[in-house]
Amino acid sequence: MRPDKQRALLDGALRLFARDGYTRAGIDALAAEAGVSSRTIYNHYGDKAALFRAVILDSSDRVAEHQIALADKLLGRVIDLESDLVEFGTRWAAHDPDTELHFALVRQIRADIDHIDPGTVAAWHQRGPLRVREALAAHLRRLSDRGLLAADDPSMAALHLVQLTAGSVAAAGPDADRDAIVRAGVGVFLRAYAPAEPSARKQHGATARRQ
């Protein structure tokens, strides 16, 4: 398949899967949305399940790269920890047209989870959410190395940061005060992952030596 035709097929299938979900999307409708024949889909992917796997992995790769680039921009050079984390949470929670279709598809996956191959779900988690979380964890690990945070498990800290900011905004609904939610979430995060005070660290070291 020519690259442009394959791109059109993956993009068209993404639109339909995101709108109708895995179960309701049929091969004929997928072909029509992408502007190809149903035979093209069967020839190159074999069945709907294989096409769906190709779509979610392609979309996950692109969205992960987009989010990792955003994280690098926002967390790659932290000057004022609280302000920079608030900016991160605000941007992470903001509506992003570049990822809108992908996250509509993710919502459909959750609704159709019992009908989707577990291997496809696992591959999506690995290529998308877990990859992004580990990229965020790398930034939090560096902040811990600088003594700005105390994140013994940076991957868990990354999950907490996202859930306390963007996750809380999503849960609060469209009319919520996003700035207030993000600031409150960052405040909770910083209290949870605050490094020990110098005097406390010194006392801890003295106790360890006596033991």
C-alpha atoms as a PDB file:
ATOM      1  CA  MET A   1       0.000   0.000   0.000  1.00  0.00           C
ATOM      2  CA  ARG A   2       1.275   3.460  -0.866  1.00  0.00           C
ATOM      3  CA  PRO A   3       2.205   5.496   2.222  1.00  0.00           C
ATOM      4  CA  ASP A   4      -0.411   8.155   1.451  1.00  0.00           C
ATOM      5  CA  LYS A   5      -3.120   5.513   1.044  1.00  0.00           C
ATOM      6  CA  GLN A   6      -2.118   3.800   4.270  1.00  0.00           C
ATOM      7  CA  ARG A   7      -2.164   7.150   6.079  1.00  0.00           C
ATOM      8  CA  ALA A   8      -5.652   7.842   4.738  1.00  0.00           C
ATOM      9  CA  LEU A   9      -6.814   4.406   5.886  1.00  0.00           C
ATOM     10  CA  LEU A  10      -5.402   4.764   9.398  1.00  0.00           C
ATOM     11  CA  ASP A  11      -6.758   8.297   9.772  1.00  0.00           C
ATOM     12  CA  GLY A  12     -10.186   7.361   8.438  1.00  0.00           C
ATOM     13  CA  ALA A  13     -10.381   4.297  10.674  1.00  0.00           C
ATOM     14  CA  LEU A  14      -9.328   6.401  13.667  1.00  0.00           C
ATOM     15  CA  ARG A  15     -12.197   8.815  13.019  1.00  0.00           C
ATOM     16  CA  LEU A  16     -14.760   6.017  12.775  1.00  0.00           C
ATOM     17  CA  PHE A  17     -13.484   3.978  15.737  1.00  0.00           C
ATOM     18  CA  ALA A  18     -13.383   7.174  17.838  1.00  0.00           C
ATOM     19  CA  ARG A  19     -16.967   7.994  16.880  1.00  0.00           C
ATOM     20  CA  ASP A  20     -18.645   4.563  16.865  1.00  0.00           C
ATOM     21  CA  GLY A  21     -16.364   2.388  18.975  1.00  0.00           C
ATOM     22  CA  TYR A  22     -14.805  -0.946  18.122  1.00  0.00           C
ATOM     23  CA  THR A  23     -17.928  -3.111  18.265  1.00  0.00           C
ATOM     24  CA  ARG A  24     -20.201  -0.956  16.109  1.00  0.00           C
ATOM     25  CA  ALA A  25     -17.641  -0.048  13.432  1.00  0.00           C
ATOM     26  CA  GLY A  26     -17.980  -2.355  10.418  1.00  0.00           C
ATOM     27  CA  ILE A  27     -15.472  -3.044   7.669  1.00  0.00           C
ATOM     28  CA  ASP A  28     -17.649  -1.457   4.973  1.00  0.00           C
ATOM     29  CA  ALA A  29     -18.093   1.709   7.030  1.00  0.00           C
ATOM     30  CA  LEU A  30     -14.370   1.823   7.811  1.00  0.00           C
ATOM     31  CA  ALA A  31     -13.541   1.469   4.121  1.00  0.00           C
ATOM     32  CA  ALA A  32     -15.989   4.214   3.162  1.00  0.00           C
ATOM     33  CA  GLU A  33     -14.628   6.581   5.824  1.00  0.00           C
ATOM     34  CA  ALA A  34     -11.067   6.030   4.604  1.00  0.00           C
ATOM     35  CA  GLY A  35     -11.955   6.169   0.894  1.00  0.00           C
ATOM     36  CA  VAL A  36     -10.682   2.659   0.157  1.00  0.00           C
ATOM     37  CA  SER A  37     -12.335  -0.643  -0.732  1.00  0.00           C
ATOM     38  CA  SER A  38     -13.163  -3.220   1.903  1.00  0.00           C
ATOM     39  CA  ARG A  39     -10.949  -5.616  -0.040  1.00  0.00           C
ATOM     40  CA  THR A  40      -8.012  -3.274   0.590  1.00  0.00           C
ATOM     41  CA  ILE A  41      -8.567  -3.620   4.328  1.00  0.00           C
ATOM     42  CA  TYR A  42      -8.802  -7.406   4.140  1.00  0.00           C
ATOM     43  CA  ASN A  43      -5.726  -7.645   1.892  1.00  0.00           C
ATOM     44  CA  HIS A  44      -3.508  -5.519   4.131  1.00  0.00           C
ATOM     45  CA  TYR A  45      -4.860  -6.173   7.630  1.00  0.00           C
ATOM     46  CA  GLY A  46      -6.865  -9.372   7.424  1.00  0.00           C
ATOM     47  CA  ASP A  47      -9.718  -8.337   9.716  1.00  0.00           C
ATOM     48  CA  LYS A  48     -11.144  -5.537  11.823  1.00  0.00           C
ATOM     49  CA  ALA A  49      -9.215  -6.561  14.945  1.00  0.00           C
ATOM     50  CA  ALA A  50      -5.864  -6.229  13.161  1.00  0.00           C
ATOM     51  CA  LEU A  51      -6.848  -2.873  11.666  1.00  0.00           C
ATOM     52  CA  PHE A  52      -7.930  -1.637  15.093  1.00  0.00           C
ATOM     53  CA  ARG A  53      -4.594  -2.684  16.586  1.00  0.00           C
ATOM     54  CA  ALA A  54      -2.743  -0.814  13.836  1.00  0.00           C
ATOM     55  CA  VAL A  55      -4.891   2.292  14.404  1.00  0.00           C
ATOM     56  CA  ILE A  56      -4.531   2.469  18.180  1.00  0.00           C
ATOM     57  CA  LEU A  57      -0.786   1.821  18.102  1.00  0.00           C
ATOM     58  CA  ASP A  58      -0.210   4.389  15.346  1.00  0.00           C
ATOM     59  CA  SER A  59      -2.301   6.963  17.208  1.00  0.00           C
ATOM     60  CA  SER A  60      -0.630   6.147  20.540  1.00  0.00           C
ATOM     61  CA  ASP A  61       2.824   6.611  19.062  1.00  0.00           C
ATOM     62  CA  ARG A  62       1.951  10.008  17.641  1.00  0.00           C
ATOM     63  CA  VAL A  63       0.194  11.243  20.788  1.00  0.00           C
ATOM     64  CA  ALA A  64       2.977   9.954  23.046  1.00  0.00           C
ATOM     65  CA  GLU A  65       5.575  11.843  21.012  1.00  0.00           C
ATOM     66  CA  HIS A  66       3.411  14.972  21.187  1.00  0.00           C
ATOM     67  CA  GLN A  67       2.947  14.717  24.962  1.00  0.00           C
ATOM     68  CA  ILE A  68       6.577  13.869  25.650  1.00  0.00           C
ATOM     69  CA  ALA A  69       7.670  16.928  23.655  1.00  0.00           C
ATOM     70  CA  LEU A  70       5.268  19.043  25.739  1.00  0.00           C
ATOM     71  CA  ALA A  71       6.602  17.552  28.978  1.00  0.00           C
ATOM     72  CA  ASP A  72      10.183  18.223  27.880  1.00  0.00           C
ATOM     73  CA  LYS A  73       9.273  21.834  27.173  1.00  0.00           C
ATOM     74  CA  LEU A  74       7.457  22.379  30.473  1.00  0.00           C
ATOM     75  CA  LEU A  75       9.586  20.298  32.853  1.00  0.00           C
ATOM     76  CA  GLY A  76      12.942  20.258  31.131  1.00  0.00           C
ATOM     77  CA  ARG A  77      14.072  23.495  32.774  1.00  0.00           C
ATOM     78  CA  VAL A  78      12.361  24.096  36.106  1.00  0.00           C
ATOM     79  CA  ILE A  79      13.190  27.406  37.790  1.00  0.00           C
ATOM     80  CA  ASP A  80      10.311  27.961  40.217  1.00  0.00           C
ATOM     81  CA  LEU A  81       9.025  24.499  41.137  1.00  0.00           C
ATOM     82  CA  GLU A  82       5.466  25.386  42.134  1.00  0.00           C
ATOM     83  CA  SER A  83       4.873  27.832  39.293  1.00  0.00           C
ATOM     84  CA  ASP A  84       6.352  25.493  36.719  1.00  0.00           C
ATOM     85  CA  LEU A  85       4.278  22.544  37.961  1.00  0.00           C
ATOM     86  CA  VAL A  86       1.145  24.704  37.840  1.00  0.00           C
ATOM     87  CA  GLU A  87       1.967  25.635  34.247  1.00  0.00           C
ATOM     88  CA  PHE A  88       2.518  21.965  33.451  1.00  0.00           C
ATOM     89  CA  GLY A  89      -0.808  20.949  35.022  1.00  0.00           C
ATOM     90  CA  THR A  90      -2.668  23.754  33.257  1.00  0.00           C
ATOM     91  CA  ARG A  91      -1.257  22.875  29.846  1.00  0.00           C
ATOM     92  CA  TRP A  92      -1.739  19.142  30.412  1.00  0.00           C
ATOM     93  CA  ALA A  93      -5.403  19.747  31.275  1.00  0.00           C
ATOM     94  CA  ALA A  94      -6.064  22.079  28.349  1.00  0.00           C
ATOM     95  CA  HIS A  95      -8.107  20.977  25.343  1.00  0.00           C
ATOM     96  CA  ASP A  96      -5.741  19.939  22.566  1.00  0.00           C
ATOM     97  CA  PRO A  97      -7.178  19.494  19.048  1.00  0.00           C
ATOM     98  CA  ASP A  98      -4.105  17.442  18.097  1.00  0.00           C
ATOM     99  CA  THR A  99      -5.026  14.690  20.559  1.00  0.00           C
ATOM    100  CA  GLU A 100      -8.828  15.014  20.622  1.00  0.00           C
ATOM    101  CA  LEU A 101      -9.553  12.042  18.327  1.00  0.00           C
ATOM    102  CA  HIS A 102      -7.107   9.813  20.127  1.00  0.00           C
ATOM    103  CA  PHE A 103      -8.674  10.374  23.528  1.00  0.00           C
ATOM    104  CA  ALA A 104     -12.143   9.913  22.056  1.00  0.00           C
ATOM    105  CA  LEU A 105     -10.856   6.527  20.887  1.00  0.00           C
ATOM    106  CA  VAL A 106      -9.479   5.803  24.358  1.00  0.00           C
ATOM    107  CA  ARG A 107     -12.936   6.432  25.822  1.00  0.00           C
ATOM    108  CA  GLN A 108     -14.387   4.002  23.296  1.00  0.00           C
ATOM    109  CA  ILE A 109     -11.768   1.407  24.227  1.00  0.00           C
ATOM    110  CA  ARG A 110     -12.820   1.591  27.859  1.00  0.00           C
ATOM    111  CA  ALA A 111     -16.451   1.136  26.871  1.00  0.00           C
ATOM    112  CA  ASP A 112     -15.643  -1.814  24.561  1.00  0.00           C
ATOM    113  CA  ILE A 113     -12.852  -3.349  26.636  1.00  0.00           C
ATOM    114  CA  ASP A 114     -14.525  -6.773  26.865  1.00  0.00           C
ATOM    115  CA  HIS A 115     -14.615  -7.055  23.069  1.00  0.00           C
ATOM    116  CA  ILE A 116     -11.031  -6.021  22.321  1.00  0.00           C
ATOM    117  CA  ASP A 117      -8.075  -8.385  22.222  1.00  0.00           C
ATOM    118  CA  PRO A 118      -6.193  -8.121  25.563  1.00  0.00           C
ATOM    119  CA  GLY A 119      -2.889  -8.145  23.677  1.00  0.00           C
ATOM    120  CA  THR A 120      -3.951  -5.037  21.790  1.00  0.00           C
ATOM    121  CA  VAL A 121      -4.951  -3.307  25.030  1.00  0.00           C
ATOM    122  CA  ALA A 122      -1.605  -4.228  26.632  1.00  0.00           C
ATOM    123  CA  ALA A 123       0.337  -2.967  23.596  1.00  0.00           C
ATOM    124  CA  TRP A 124      -1.605   0.315  23.661  1.00  0.00           C
ATOM    125  CA  HIS A 125      -0.797   0.805  27.355  1.00  0.00           C
ATOM    126  CA  GLN A 126       2.885   0.136  26.712  1.00  0.00           C
ATOM    127  CA  ARG A 127       3.222   2.368  23.656  1.00  0.00           C
ATOM    128  CA  GLY A 128       1.045   5.193  24.983  1.00  0.00           C
ATOM    129  CA  PRO A 129       0.241   5.833  28.653  1.00  0.00           C
ATOM    130  CA  LEU A 130       3.209   3.963  30.130  1.00  0.00           C
ATOM    131  CA  ARG A 131       5.685   5.531  27.724  1.00  0.00           C
ATOM    132  CA  VAL A 132       4.434   9.016  28.583  1.00  0.00           C
ATOM    133  CA  ARG A 133       4.426   8.265  32.320  1.00  0.00           C
ATOM    134  CA  GLU A 134       8.038   7.111  32.215  1.00  0.00           C
ATOM    135  CA  ALA A 135       9.028  10.275  30.355  1.00  0.00           C
ATOM    136  CA  LEU A 136       7.363  12.338  33.087  1.00  0.00           C
ATOM    137  CA  ALA A 137       9.023  10.144  35.720  1.00  0.00           C
ATOM    138  CA  ALA A 138      12.433  10.954  34.246  1.00  0.00           C
ATOM    139  CA  HIS A 139      11.784  14.665  34.799  1.00  0.00           C
ATOM    140  CA  LEU A 140      10.597  14.090  38.374  1.00  0.00           C
ATOM    141  CA  ARG A 141      13.646  11.917  39.035  1.00  0.00           C
ATOM    142  CA  ARG A 142      15.906  14.792  37.986  1.00  0.00           C
ATOM    143  CA  LEU A 143      13.986  17.164  40.240  1.00  0.00           C
ATOM    144  CA  SER A 144      14.487  14.712  43.097  1.00  0.00           C
ATOM    145  CA  ASP A 145      18.211  14.514  42.302  1.00  0.00           C
ATOM    146  CA  ARG A 146      18.312  18.307  42.632  1.00  0.00           C
ATOM    147  CA  GLY A 147      16.697  18.051  46.068  1.00  0.00           C
ATOM    148  CA  LEU A 148      13.495  19.786  44.951  1.00  0.00           C
ATOM    149  CA  LEU A 149      11.332  16.693  45.451  1.00  0.00           C
ATOM    150  CA  ALA A 150      11.532  13.450  47.367  1.00  0.00           C
ATOM    151  CA  ALA A 151      10.109  10.964  44.866  1.00  0.00           C
ATOM    152  CA  ASP A 152      11.369   7.497  45.753  1.00  0.00           C
ATOM    153  CA  ASP A 153       9.098   6.103  43.036  1.00  0.00           C
ATOM    154  CA  PRO A 154       9.144   8.693  40.206  1.00  0.00           C
ATOM    155  CA  SER A 155       6.725   6.673  38.080  1.00  0.00           C
ATOM    156  CA  MET A 156       4.117   6.723  40.847  1.00  0.00           C
ATOM    157  CA  ALA A 157       4.831  10.416  41.430  1.00  0.00           C
ATOM    158  CA  ALA A 158       4.203  11.090  37.730  1.00  0.00           C
ATOM    159  CA  LEU A 159       0.856   9.331  37.967  1.00  0.00           C
ATOM    160  CA  HIS A 160      -0.060  11.377  41.045  1.00  0.00           C
ATOM    161  CA  LEU A 161       0.944  14.657  39.398  1.00  0.00           C
ATOM    162  CA  VAL A 162      -1.246  14.039  36.361  1.00  0.00           C
ATOM    163  CA  GLN A 163      -4.206  12.771  38.383  1.00  0.00           C
ATOM    164  CA  LEU A 164      -4.059  15.675  40.854  1.00  0.00           C
ATOM    165  CA  THR A 165      -3.998  18.248  38.048  1.00  0.00           C
ATOM    166  CA  ALA A 166      -5.363  17.236  34.635  1.00  0.00           C
ATOM    167  CA  GLY A 167      -7.235  14.253  36.065  1.00  0.00           C
ATOM    168  CA  SER A 168      -8.969  16.407  38.658  1.00  0.00           C
ATOM    169  CA  VAL A 169      -9.898  19.001  36.033  1.00  0.00           C
ATOM    170  CA  ALA A 170     -11.458  16.280  33.857  1.00  0.00           C
ATOM    171  CA  ALA A 171     -13.397  14.879  36.807  1.00  0.00           C
ATOM    172  CA  ALA A 172     -14.690  18.309  37.857  1.00  0.00           C
ATOM    173  CA  GLY A 173     -16.465  19.007  34.564  1.00  0.00           C
ATOM    174  CA  PRO A 174     -16.354  21.803  31.973  1.00  0.00           C
ATOM    175  CA  ASP A 175     -17.626  24.585  34.250  1.00  0.00           C
ATOM    176  CA  ALA A 176     -15.040  24.060  36.982  1.00  0.00           C
ATOM    177  CA  ASP A 177     -12.344  26.599  37.835  1.00  0.00           C
ATOM    178  CA  ARG A 178      -9.395  24.900  36.144  1.00  0.00           C
ATOM    179  CA  ASP A 179      -6.747  27.215  37.553  1.00  0.00           C
ATOM    180  CA  ALA A 180      -7.942  26.707  41.122  1.00  0.00           C
ATOM    181  CA  ILE A 181      -8.102  22.928  40.671  1.00  0.00           C
ATOM    182  CA  VAL A 182      -4.608  22.742  39.206  1.00  0.00           C
ATOM    183  CA  ARG A 183      -3.127  24.978  41.911  1.00  0.00           C
ATOM    184  CA  ALA A 184      -4.782  22.922  44.638  1.00  0.00           C
ATOM    185  CA  GLY A 185      -3.555  19.711  43.024  1.00  0.00           C
ATOM    186  CA  VAL A 186       0.010  20.981  42.764  1.00  0.00           C
ATOM    187  CA  GLY A 187      -0.176  22.034  46.411  1.00  0.00           C
ATOM    188  CA  VAL A 188      -1.195  18.520  47.451  1.00  0.00           C
ATOM    189  CA  PHE A 189       1.533  17.030  45.247  1.00  0.00           C
ATOM    190  CA  LEU A 190       4.236  19.248  46.734  1.00  0.00           C
ATOM    191  CA  ARG A 191       3.180  18.427  50.270  1.00  0.00           C
ATOM    192  CA  ALA A 192       3.210  14.719  49.486  1.00  0.00           C
ATOM    193  CA  TYR A 193       6.617  14.827  47.794  1.00  0.00           C
ATOM    194  CA  ALA A 194       8.316  17.555  49.809  1.00  0.00           C
ATOM    195  CA  PRO A 195      11.986  16.810  50.523  1.00  0.00           C
ATOM    196  CA  ALA A 196      13.012  16.536  54.150  1.00  0.00           C
ATOM    197  CA  GLU A 197      14.184  19.755  55.779  1.00  0.00           C
ATOM    198  CA  PRO A 198      17.998  20.031  56.029  1.00  0.00           C
ATOM    199  CA  SER A 199      17.838  19.656  59.798  1.00  0.00           C
ATOM    200  CA  ALA A 200      15.620  16.599  59.469  1.00  0.00           C
ATOM    201  CA  ARG A 201      18.000  15.046  56.934  1.00  0.00           C
ATOM    202  CA  LYS A 202      20.930  15.738  59.262  1.00  0.00           C
ATOM    203  CA  GLN A 203      19.095  14.164  62.201  1.00  0.00           C
ATOM    204  CA  HIS A 204      18.171  11.164  60.050  1.00  0.00           C
ATOM    205  CA  GLY A 205      21.818  10.719  59.056  1.00  0.00           C
ATOM    206  CA  ALA A 206      22.977  10.921  62.702  1.00  0.00           C
ATOM    207  CA  THR A 207      20.379   8.322  63.728  1.00  0.00           C
ATOM    208  CA  ALA A 208      21.448   6.021  60.913  1.00  0.00           C
ATOM    209  CA  ARG A 209      25.095   6.285  61.972  1.00  0.00           C
ATOM    210  CA  ARG A 210      24.249   5.431  65.603  1.00  0.00           C
ATOM    211  CA  GLN A 211      22.399   2.343  64.401  1.00  0.00           C
END
